[in-house]
Amino acid sequence: MPEGKGVKPLFFKDKPLVRSGDLLYYGDPSQKYIVKINVLSSAAAGDLELSTKVSVELLDISGKYEKLIKKSERNGLYDALDIGGIWLERAIAESAKA
């Protein structure tokens, strides 16, 4: 991330949140799991675009390829981050036990 030019990375519940277009990645890429959020539809609210339907995926990124662990669709970005955060915390905790 370009931190040298005054740009600070965005964090949500102490984990990095990176956006690229309609895709958001939530979690630390140095760990085994990450959450991928894809905005499927949005609606205008004044001069803002609000996400109305999003896809949430928990991915295992420890191997050569991404492996889908869980997938769901939610109404709104907050609900997607909420369930994604729960999945991510549980997956990281379970992998630490093993």
PDB file of N, CA and C in Angstrom:
ATOM      1  N   MET A   1       0.843  -1.181   0.000  1.00  0.00           N
ATOM      2  CA  MET A   1       0.000   0.000   0.000  1.00  0.00           C
ATOM      3  C   MET A   1       0.883   1.238   0.000  1.00  0.00           C
ATOM      4  N   PRO A   2       0.488   2.265  -0.697  1.00  0.00           N
ATOM      5  CA  PRO A   2       1.322   3.472  -0.786  1.00  0.00           C
ATOM      6  C   PRO A   2       1.209   4.342   0.452  1.00  0.00           C
ATOM      7  N   GLU A   3       1.911   3.982   1.505  1.00  0.00           N
ATOM      8  CA  GLU A   3       1.834   4.733   2.752  1.00  0.00           C
ATOM      9  C   GLU A   3       2.759   5.950   2.749  1.00  0.00           C
ATOM     10  N   GLY A   4       3.733   5.991   1.862  1.00  0.00           N
ATOM     11  CA  GLY A   4       4.717   7.059   1.849  1.00  0.00           C
ATOM     12  C   GLY A   4       4.167   8.407   1.445  1.00  0.00           C
ATOM     13  N   LYS A   5       3.029   8.464   0.772  1.00  0.00           N
ATOM     14  CA  LYS A   5       2.472   9.724   0.277  1.00  0.00           C
ATOM     15  C   LYS A   5       1.306  10.221   1.116  1.00  0.00           C
ATOM     16  N   GLY A   6       1.291   9.878   2.385  1.00  0.00           N
ATOM     17  CA  GLY A   6       0.237  10.367   3.259  1.00  0.00           C
ATOM     18  C   GLY A   6      -1.035   9.554   3.201  1.00  0.00           C
ATOM     19  N   VAL A   7      -1.063   8.451   2.457  1.00  0.00           N
ATOM     20  CA  VAL A   7      -2.241   7.607   2.357  1.00  0.00           C
ATOM     21  C   VAL A   7      -2.169   6.554   3.447  1.00  0.00           C
ATOM     22  N   LYS A   8      -3.209   6.485   4.271  1.00  0.00           N
ATOM     23  CA  LYS A   8      -3.261   5.497   5.335  1.00  0.00           C
ATOM     24  C   LYS A   8      -4.223   4.390   4.920  1.00  0.00           C
ATOM     25  N   PRO A   9      -3.858   3.131   5.167  1.00  0.00           N
ATOM     26  CA  PRO A   9      -4.768   2.045   4.822  1.00  0.00           C
ATOM     27  C   PRO A   9      -6.022   2.091   5.693  1.00  0.00           C
ATOM     28  N   LEU A  10      -7.129   1.637   5.145  1.00  0.00           N
ATOM     29  CA  LEU A  10      -8.394   1.598   5.854  1.00  0.00           C
ATOM     30  C   LEU A  10      -8.475   0.305   6.657  1.00  0.00           C
ATOM     31  N   PHE A  11      -8.894   0.400   7.911  1.00  0.00           N
ATOM     32  CA  PHE A  11      -9.048  -0.761   8.768  1.00  0.00           C
ATOM     33  C   PHE A  11     -10.483  -0.818   9.270  1.00  0.00           C
ATOM     34  N   PHE A  12     -10.998  -2.044   9.438  1.00  0.00           N
ATOM     35  CA  PHE A  12     -12.306  -2.283  10.031  1.00  0.00           C
ATOM     36  C   PHE A  12     -12.115  -3.386  11.058  1.00  0.00           C
ATOM     37  N   LYS A  13     -12.398  -3.098  12.315  1.00  0.00           N
ATOM     38  CA  LYS A  13     -12.203  -4.039  13.423  1.00  0.00           C
ATOM     39  C   LYS A  13     -10.781  -4.595  13.414  1.00  0.00           C
ATOM     40  N   ASP A  14      -9.815  -3.701  13.299  1.00  0.00           N
ATOM     41  CA  ASP A  14      -8.381  -4.017  13.374  1.00  0.00           C
ATOM     42  C   ASP A  14      -7.867  -4.929  12.260  1.00  0.00           C
ATOM     43  N   LYS A  15      -8.576  -5.001  11.144  1.00  0.00           N
ATOM     44  CA  LYS A  15      -8.111  -5.771   9.991  1.00  0.00           C
ATOM     45  C   LYS A  15      -8.162  -4.875   8.752  1.00  0.00           C
ATOM     46  N   PRO A  16      -7.217  -5.047   7.823  1.00  0.00           N
ATOM     47  CA  PRO A  16      -7.204  -4.204   6.620  1.00  0.00           C
ATOM     48  C   PRO A  16      -8.429  -4.431   5.746  1.00  0.00           C
ATOM     49  N   LEU A  17      -8.895  -3.363   5.133  1.00  0.00           N
ATOM     50  CA  LEU A  17     -10.018  -3.392   4.200  1.00  0.00           C
ATOM     51  C   LEU A  17      -9.562  -2.669   2.945  1.00  0.00           C
ATOM     52  N   VAL A  18      -9.472  -3.409   1.830  1.00  0.00           N
ATOM     53  CA  VAL A  18      -8.957  -2.864   0.576  1.00  0.00           C
ATOM     54  C   VAL A  18     -10.055  -2.945  -0.479  1.00  0.00           C
ATOM     55  N   ARG A  19     -10.235  -1.852  -1.219  1.00  0.00           N
ATOM     56  CA  ARG A  19     -11.268  -1.794  -2.252  1.00  0.00           C
ATOM     57  C   ARG A  19     -10.639  -1.646  -3.618  1.00  0.00           C
ATOM     58  N   SER A  20     -11.188  -2.385  -4.584  1.00  0.00           N
ATOM     59  CA  SER A  20     -10.802  -2.257  -5.981  1.00  0.00           C
ATOM     60  C   SER A  20     -12.080  -2.335  -6.806  1.00  0.00           C
ATOM     61  N   GLY A  21     -12.632  -1.184  -7.161  1.00  0.00           N
ATOM     62  CA  GLY A  21     -13.896  -1.159  -7.898  1.00  0.00           C
ATOM     63  C   GLY A  21     -15.031  -1.669  -7.030  1.00  0.00           C
ATOM     64  N   ASP A  22     -15.723  -2.706  -7.509  1.00  0.00           N
ATOM     65  CA  ASP A  22     -16.830  -3.297  -6.769  1.00  0.00           C
ATOM     66  C   ASP A  22     -16.396  -4.447  -5.867  1.00  0.00           C
ATOM     67  N   LEU A  23     -15.098  -4.702  -5.781  1.00  0.00           N
ATOM     68  CA  LEU A  23     -14.571  -5.762  -4.916  1.00  0.00           C
ATOM     69  C   LEU A  23     -13.928  -5.169  -3.680  1.00  0.00           C
ATOM     70  N   LEU A  24     -14.169  -5.795  -2.546  1.00  0.00           N
ATOM     71  CA  LEU A  24     -13.506  -5.427  -1.300  1.00  0.00           C
ATOM     72  C   LEU A  24     -12.877  -6.681  -0.723  1.00  0.00           C
ATOM     73  N   TYR A  25     -11.678  -6.535  -0.192  1.00  0.00           N
ATOM     74  CA  TYR A  25     -10.989  -7.627   0.472  1.00  0.00           C
ATOM     75  C   TYR A  25     -10.792  -7.231   1.928  1.00  0.00           C
ATOM     76  N   TYR A  26     -11.197  -8.134   2.821  1.00  0.00           N
ATOM     77  CA  TYR A  26     -11.144  -7.854   4.248  1.00  0.00           C
ATOM     78  C   TYR A  26     -10.319  -8.925   4.937  1.00  0.00           C
ATOM     79  N   GLY A  27      -9.289  -8.522   5.637  1.00  0.00           N
ATOM     80  CA  GLY A  27      -8.449  -9.446   6.368  1.00  0.00           C
ATOM     81  C   GLY A  27      -6.986  -9.228   6.036  1.00  0.00           C
ATOM     82  N   ASP A  28      -6.141  -9.865   6.815  1.00  0.00           N
ATOM     83  CA  ASP A  28      -4.697  -9.759   6.661  1.00  0.00           C
ATOM     84  C   ASP A  28      -4.227 -10.791   5.634  1.00  0.00           C
ATOM     85  N   PRO A  29      -3.641 -10.365   4.522  1.00  0.00           N
ATOM     86  CA  PRO A  29      -3.223 -11.324   3.493  1.00  0.00           C
ATOM     87  C   PRO A  29      -2.071 -12.236   3.928  1.00  0.00           C
ATOM     88  N   SER A  30      -1.435 -11.948   5.048  1.00  0.00           N
ATOM     89  CA  SER A  30      -0.376 -12.830   5.532  1.00  0.00           C
ATOM     90  C   SER A  30      -0.950 -14.012   6.332  1.00  0.00           C
ATOM     91  N   GLN A  31      -2.249 -13.986   6.617  1.00  0.00           N
ATOM     92  CA  GLN A  31      -2.891 -15.095   7.325  1.00  0.00           C
ATOM     93  C   GLN A  31      -3.496 -16.070   6.320  1.00  0.00           C
ATOM     94  N   LYS A  32      -4.074 -17.151   6.829  1.00  0.00           N
ATOM     95  CA  LYS A  32      -4.583 -18.226   5.977  1.00  0.00           C
ATOM     96  C   LYS A  32      -5.899 -17.877   5.288  1.00  0.00           C
ATOM     97  N   TYR A  33      -6.722 -17.046   5.908  1.00  0.00           N
ATOM     98  CA  TYR A  33      -8.061 -16.753   5.390  1.00  0.00           C
ATOM     99  C   TYR A  33      -8.239 -15.261   5.116  1.00  0.00           C
ATOM    100  N   ILE A  34      -9.131 -14.981   4.166  1.00  0.00           N
ATOM    101  CA  ILE A  34      -9.488 -13.601   3.831  1.00  0.00           C
ATOM    102  C   ILE A  34     -10.946 -13.599   3.366  1.00  0.00           C
ATOM    103  N   VAL A  35     -11.623 -12.472   3.505  1.00  0.00           N
ATOM    104  CA  VAL A  35     -13.007 -12.337   3.059  1.00  0.00           C
ATOM    105  C   VAL A  35     -13.036 -11.463   1.806  1.00  0.00           C
ATOM    106  N   LYS A  36     -13.749 -11.942   0.802  1.00  0.00           N
ATOM    107  CA  LYS A  36     -13.922 -11.199  -0.454  1.00  0.00           C
ATOM    108  C   LYS A  36     -15.389 -10.779  -0.544  1.00  0.00           C
ATOM    109  N   ILE A  37     -15.616  -9.487  -0.747  1.00  0.00           N
ATOM    110  CA  ILE A  37     -16.968  -8.943  -0.850  1.00  0.00           C
ATOM    111  C   ILE A  37     -17.135  -8.324  -2.230  1.00  0.00           C
ATOM    112  N   ASN A  38     -18.160  -8.763  -2.944  1.00  0.00           N
ATOM    113  CA  ASN A  38     -18.430  -8.265  -4.294  1.00  0.00           C
ATOM    114  C   ASN A  38     -19.786  -7.550  -4.294  1.00  0.00           C
ATOM    115  N   VAL A  39     -19.779  -6.280  -4.680  1.00  0.00           N
ATOM    116  CA  VAL A  39     -21.021  -5.507  -4.751  1.00  0.00           C
ATOM    117  C   VAL A  39     -21.755  -5.911  -6.029  1.00  0.00           C
ATOM    118  N   LEU A  40     -22.930  -6.517  -5.866  1.00  0.00           N
ATOM    119  CA  LEU A  40     -23.707  -6.987  -7.011  1.00  0.00           C
ATOM    120  C   LEU A  40     -24.650  -5.922  -7.547  1.00  0.00           C
ATOM    121  N   SER A  41     -25.214  -5.101  -6.658  1.00  0.00           N
ATOM    122  CA  SER A  41     -26.084  -4.012  -7.099  1.00  0.00           C
ATOM    123  C   SER A  41     -26.003  -2.867  -6.110  1.00  0.00           C
ATOM    124  N   SER A  42     -26.281  -1.678  -6.611  1.00  0.00           N
ATOM    125  CA  SER A  42     -26.263  -0.489  -5.763  1.00  0.00           C
ATOM    126  C   SER A  42     -27.369   0.454  -6.212  1.00  0.00           C
ATOM    127  N   ALA A  43     -27.717   1.373  -5.325  1.00  0.00           N
ATOM    128  CA  ALA A  43     -28.767   2.343  -5.606  1.00  0.00           C
ATOM    129  C   ALA A  43     -28.272   3.727  -5.207  1.00  0.00           C
ATOM    130  N   ALA A  44     -28.757   4.720  -5.921  1.00  0.00           N
ATOM    131  CA  ALA A  44     -28.380   6.096  -5.631  1.00  0.00           C
ATOM    132  C   ALA A  44     -29.222   6.622  -4.468  1.00  0.00           C
ATOM    133  N   ALA A  45     -28.545   7.293  -3.545  1.00  0.00           N
ATOM    134  CA  ALA A  45     -29.216   7.963  -2.432  1.00  0.00           C
ATOM    135  C   ALA A  45     -28.635   9.368  -2.374  1.00  0.00           C
ATOM    136  N   GLY A  46     -29.278  10.284  -3.076  1.00  0.00           N
ATOM    137  CA  GLY A  46     -28.724  11.631  -3.206  1.00  0.00           C
ATOM    138  C   GLY A  46     -27.524  11.586  -4.120  1.00  0.00           C
ATOM    139  N   ASP A  47     -26.377  12.018  -3.627  1.00  0.00           N
ATOM    140  CA  ASP A  47     -25.158  11.971  -4.434  1.00  0.00           C
ATOM    141  C   ASP A  47     -24.260  10.792  -4.053  1.00  0.00           C
ATOM    142  N   LEU A  48     -24.791   9.829  -3.278  1.00  0.00           N
ATOM    143  CA  LEU A  48     -24.037   8.649  -2.862  1.00  0.00           C
ATOM    144  C   LEU A  48     -24.557   7.397  -3.553  1.00  0.00           C
ATOM    145  N   GLU A  49     -23.688   6.419  -3.735  1.00  0.00           N
ATOM    146  CA  GLU A  49     -24.067   5.094  -4.208  1.00  0.00           C
ATOM    147  C   GLU A  49     -24.033   4.148  -3.019  1.00  0.00           C
ATOM    148  N   LEU A  50     -25.156   3.540  -2.688  1.00  0.00           N
ATOM    149  CA  LEU A  50     -25.241   2.607  -1.572  1.00  0.00           C
ATOM    150  C   LEU A  50     -25.370   1.184  -2.099  1.00  0.00           C
ATOM    151  N   SER A  51     -24.597   0.286  -1.534  1.00  0.00           N
ATOM    152  CA  SER A  51     -24.660  -1.120  -1.920  1.00  0.00           C
ATOM    153  C   SER A  51     -25.957  -1.722  -1.407  1.00  0.00           C
ATOM    154  N   THR A  52     -26.732  -2.347  -2.288  1.00  0.00           N
ATOM    155  CA  THR A  52     -27.992  -2.942  -1.880  1.00  0.00           C
ATOM    156  C   THR A  52     -27.921  -4.461  -1.819  1.00  0.00           C
ATOM    157  N   LYS A  53     -27.094  -5.072  -2.659  1.00  0.00           N
ATOM    158  CA  LYS A  53     -26.937  -6.524  -2.647  1.00  0.00           C
ATOM    159  C   LYS A  53     -25.461  -6.853  -2.837  1.00  0.00           C
ATOM    160  N   VAL A  54     -24.916  -7.639  -1.919  1.00  0.00           N
ATOM    161  CA  VAL A  54     -23.499  -7.982  -1.991  1.00  0.00           C
ATOM    162  C   VAL A  54     -23.301  -9.479  -1.765  1.00  0.00           C
ATOM    163  N   SER A  55     -22.251 -10.011  -2.364  1.00  0.00           N
ATOM    164  CA  SER A  55     -21.850 -11.395  -2.192  1.00  0.00           C
ATOM    165  C   SER A  55     -20.661 -11.426  -1.237  1.00  0.00           C
ATOM    166  N   VAL A  56     -20.678 -12.363  -0.278  1.00  0.00           N
ATOM    167  CA  VAL A  56     -19.608 -12.493   0.715  1.00  0.00           C
ATOM    168  C   VAL A  56     -19.013 -13.886   0.581  1.00  0.00           C
ATOM    169  N   GLU A  57     -17.670 -13.965   0.499  1.00  0.00           N
ATOM    170  CA  GLU A  57     -16.997 -15.251   0.388  1.00  0.00           C
ATOM    171  C   GLU A  57     -15.834 -15.317   1.378  1.00  0.00           C
ATOM    172  N   LEU A  58     -15.730 -16.421   2.084  1.00  0.00           N
ATOM    173  CA  LEU A  58     -14.568 -16.701   2.921  1.00  0.00           C
ATOM    174  C   LEU A  58     -13.642 -17.580   2.100  1.00  0.00           C
ATOM    175  N   LEU A  59     -12.406 -17.114   1.899  1.00  0.00           N
ATOM    176  CA  LEU A  59     -11.454 -17.816   1.049  1.00  0.00           C
ATOM    177  C   LEU A  59     -10.250 -18.280   1.857  1.00  0.00           C
ATOM    178  N   ASP A  60      -9.780 -19.490   1.538  1.00  0.00           N
ATOM    179  CA  ASP A  60      -8.519 -20.000   2.071  1.00  0.00           C
ATOM    180  C   ASP A  60      -7.454 -19.628   1.048  1.00  0.00           C
ATOM    181  N   ILE A  61      -6.512 -18.780   1.433  1.00  0.00           N
ATOM    182  CA  ILE A  61      -5.492 -18.288   0.502  1.00  0.00           C
ATOM    183  C   ILE A  61      -4.116 -18.861   0.815  1.00  0.00           C
ATOM    184  N   SER A  62      -4.079 -19.967   1.583  1.00  0.00           N
ATOM    185  CA  SER A  62      -2.790 -20.520   1.995  1.00  0.00           C
ATOM    186  C   SER A  62      -2.117 -21.350   0.908  1.00  0.00           C
ATOM    187  N   GLY A  63      -2.861 -21.846  -0.054  1.00  0.00           N
ATOM    188  CA  GLY A  63      -2.291 -22.684  -1.101  1.00  0.00           C
ATOM    189  C   GLY A  63      -1.974 -21.895  -2.363  1.00  0.00           C
ATOM    190  N   LYS A  64      -1.740 -22.629  -3.427  1.00  0.00           N
ATOM    191  CA  LYS A  64      -1.415 -22.006  -4.713  1.00  0.00           C
ATOM    192  C   LYS A  64      -2.631 -21.259  -5.281  1.00  0.00           C
ATOM    193  N   TYR A  65      -3.825 -21.802  -5.057  1.00  0.00           N
ATOM    194  CA  TYR A  65      -5.060 -21.199  -5.544  1.00  0.00           C
ATOM    195  C   TYR A  65      -5.974 -20.867  -4.371  1.00  0.00           C
ATOM    196  N   GLU A  66      -6.868 -19.903  -4.591  1.00  0.00           N
ATOM    197  CA  GLU A  66      -7.869 -19.579  -3.571  1.00  0.00           C
ATOM    198  C   GLU A  66      -8.879 -20.718  -3.483  1.00  0.00           C
ATOM    199  N   LYS A  67      -9.279 -21.060  -2.274  1.00  0.00           N
ATOM    200  CA  LYS A  67     -10.267 -22.110  -2.061  1.00  0.00           C
ATOM    201  C   LYS A  67     -11.470 -21.508  -1.349  1.00  0.00           C
ATOM    202  N   LEU A  68     -12.645 -21.647  -1.946  1.00  0.00           N
ATOM    203  CA  LEU A  68     -13.875 -21.119  -1.362  1.00  0.00           C
ATOM    204  C   LEU A  68     -14.308 -21.987  -0.183  1.00  0.00           C
ATOM    205  N   ILE A  69     -14.489 -21.366   0.980  1.00  0.00           N
ATOM    206  CA  ILE A  69     -14.907 -22.072   2.185  1.00  0.00           C
ATOM    207  C   ILE A  69     -16.400 -21.854   2.442  1.00  0.00           C
ATOM    208  N   LYS A  70     -16.839 -20.596   2.406  1.00  0.00           N
ATOM    209  CA  LYS A  70     -18.245 -20.247   2.633  1.00  0.00           C
ATOM    210  C   LYS A  70     -18.637 -19.131   1.681  1.00  0.00           C
ATOM    211  N   LYS A  71     -19.933 -19.082   1.347  1.00  0.00           N
ATOM    212  CA  LYS A  71     -20.434 -18.024   0.475  1.00  0.00           C
ATOM    213  C   LYS A  71     -21.866 -17.683   0.884  1.00  0.00           C
ATOM    214  N   SER A  72     -22.202 -16.388   0.788  1.00  0.00           N
ATOM    215  CA  SER A  72     -23.546 -15.924   1.119  1.00  0.00           C
ATOM    216  C   SER A  72     -23.814 -14.616   0.395  1.00  0.00           C
ATOM    217  N   GLU A  73     -25.065 -14.239   0.297  1.00  0.00           N
ATOM    218  CA  GLU A  73     -25.452 -12.924  -0.222  1.00  0.00           C
ATOM    219  C   GLU A  73     -26.162 -12.173   0.886  1.00  0.00           C
ATOM    220  N   ARG A  74     -25.871 -10.883   0.988  1.00  0.00           N
ATOM    221  CA  ARG A  74     -26.447 -10.037   2.029  1.00  0.00           C
ATOM    222  C   ARG A  74     -26.996  -8.754   1.424  1.00  0.00           C
ATOM    223  N   ASN A  75     -27.882  -8.115   2.171  1.00  0.00           N
ATOM    224  CA  ASN A  75     -28.423  -6.816   1.784  1.00  0.00           C
ATOM    225  C   ASN A  75     -27.617  -5.736   2.481  1.00  0.00           C
ATOM    226  N   GLY A  76     -26.748  -5.078   1.762  1.00  0.00           N
ATOM    227  CA  GLY A  76     -25.967  -3.988   2.327  1.00  0.00           C
ATOM    228  C   GLY A  76     -24.567  -4.392   2.719  1.00  0.00           C
ATOM    229  N   LEU A  77     -23.688  -3.417   2.659  1.00  0.00           N
ATOM    230  CA  LEU A  77     -22.279  -3.637   2.951  1.00  0.00           C
ATOM    231  C   LEU A  77     -22.037  -3.920   4.423  1.00  0.00           C
ATOM    232  N   TYR A  78     -22.766  -3.265   5.312  1.00  0.00           N
ATOM    233  CA  TYR A  78     -22.569  -3.497   6.744  1.00  0.00           C
ATOM    234  C   TYR A  78     -22.869  -4.943   7.115  1.00  0.00           C
ATOM    235  N   ASP A  79     -23.981  -5.482   6.616  1.00  0.00           N
ATOM    236  CA  ASP A  79     -24.324  -6.878   6.905  1.00  0.00           C
ATOM    237  C   ASP A  79     -23.260  -7.823   6.355  1.00  0.00           C
ATOM    238  N   ALA A  80     -22.709  -7.499   5.190  1.00  0.00           N
ATOM    239  CA  ALA A  80     -21.667  -8.331   4.588  1.00  0.00           C
ATOM    240  C   ALA A  80     -20.395  -8.298   5.430  1.00  0.00           C
ATOM    241  N   LEU A  81     -19.995  -7.121   5.884  1.00  0.00           N
ATOM    242  CA  LEU A  81     -18.813  -7.020   6.734  1.00  0.00           C
ATOM    243  C   LEU A  81     -19.028  -7.699   8.077  1.00  0.00           C
ATOM    244  N   ASP A  82     -20.236  -7.636   8.590  1.00  0.00           N
ATOM    245  CA  ASP A  82     -20.557  -8.254   9.862  1.00  0.00           C
ATOM    246  C   ASP A  82     -20.407  -9.771   9.777  1.00  0.00           C
ATOM    247  N   ILE A  83     -21.051 -10.422   8.813  1.00  0.00           N
ATOM    248  CA  ILE A  83     -20.962 -11.877   8.693  1.00  0.00           C
ATOM    249  C   ILE A  83     -19.565 -12.296   8.250  1.00  0.00           C
ATOM    250  N   GLY A  84     -18.939 -11.525   7.374  1.00  0.00           N
ATOM    251  CA  GLY A  84     -17.581 -11.834   6.944  1.00  0.00           C
ATOM    252  C   GLY A  84     -16.593 -11.778   8.091  1.00  0.00           C
ATOM    253  N   GLY A  85     -16.751 -10.813   8.966  1.00  0.00           N
ATOM    254  CA  GLY A  85     -15.886 -10.696  10.134  1.00  0.00           C
ATOM    255  C   GLY A  85     -16.047 -11.870  11.082  1.00  0.00           C
ATOM    256  N   ILE A  86     -17.273 -12.316  11.265  1.00  0.00           N
ATOM    257  CA  ILE A  86     -17.534 -13.476  12.124  1.00  0.00           C
ATOM    258  C   ILE A  86     -16.881 -14.725  11.532  1.00  0.00           C
ATOM    259  N   TRP A  87     -17.094 -14.960  10.236  1.00  0.00           N
ATOM    260  CA  TRP A  87     -16.482 -16.120   9.572  1.00  0.00           C
ATOM    261  C   TRP A  87     -14.968 -16.079   9.682  1.00  0.00           C
ATOM    262  N   LEU A  88     -14.398 -14.898   9.451  1.00  0.00           N
ATOM    263  CA  LEU A  88     -12.951 -14.745   9.460  1.00  0.00           C
ATOM    264  C   LEU A  88     -12.374 -15.026  10.848  1.00  0.00           C
ATOM    265  N   GLU A  89     -12.976 -14.479  11.879  1.00  0.00           N
ATOM    266  CA  GLU A  89     -12.500 -14.708  13.244  1.00  0.00           C
ATOM    267  C   GLU A  89     -12.576 -16.176  13.620  1.00  0.00           C
ATOM    268  N   ARG A  90     -13.682 -16.836  13.290  1.00  0.00           N
ATOM    269  CA  ARG A  90     -13.832 -18.255  13.611  1.00  0.00           C
ATOM    270  C   ARG A  90     -12.823 -19.114  12.848  1.00  0.00           C
ATOM    271  N   ALA A  91     -12.616 -18.826  11.574  1.00  0.00           N
ATOM    272  CA  ALA A  91     -11.686 -19.614  10.763  1.00  0.00           C
ATOM    273  C   ALA A  91     -10.250 -19.449  11.266  1.00  0.00           C
ATOM    274  N   ILE A  92      -9.870 -18.238  11.615  1.00  0.00           N
ATOM    275  CA  ILE A  92      -8.528 -17.998  12.131  1.00  0.00           C
ATOM    276  C   ILE A  92      -8.331 -18.678  13.483  1.00  0.00           C
ATOM    277  N   ALA A  93      -9.344 -18.618  14.335  1.00  0.00           N
ATOM    278  CA  ALA A  93      -9.263 -19.267  15.645  1.00  0.00           C
ATOM    279  C   ALA A  93      -9.157 -20.785  15.509  1.00  0.00           C
ATOM    280  N   GLU A  94      -9.933 -21.377  14.593  1.00  0.00           N
ATOM    281  CA  GLU A  94      -9.872 -22.819  14.393  1.00  0.00           C
ATOM    282  C   GLU A  94      -8.537 -23.256  13.798  1.00  0.00           C
ATOM    283  N   SER A  95      -7.972 -22.461  12.903  1.00  0.00           N
ATOM    284  CA  SER A  95      -6.688 -22.839  12.310  1.00  0.00           C
ATOM    285  C   SER A  95      -5.550 -22.680  13.322  1.00  0.00           C
ATOM    286  N   ALA A  96      -5.716 -21.808  14.304  1.00  0.00           N
ATOM    287  CA  ALA A  96      -4.701 -21.653  15.348  1.00  0.00           C
ATOM    288  C   ALA A  96      -4.696 -22.848  16.297  1.00  0.00           C
ATOM    289  N   LYS A  97      -5.874 -23.465  16.491  1.00  0.00           N
ATOM    290  CA  LYS A  97      -5.973 -24.643  17.352  1.00  0.00           C
ATOM    291  C   LYS A  97      -5.302 -25.858  16.716  1.00  0.00           C
ATOM    292  N   ALA A  98      -5.410 -25.966  15.394  1.00  0.00           N
ATOM    293  CA  ALA A  98      -4.897 -27.162  14.682  1.00  0.00           C
ATOM    294  C   ALA A  98      -3.397 -27.197  14.589  1.00  0.00           C
TER     295      ALA A  98
END
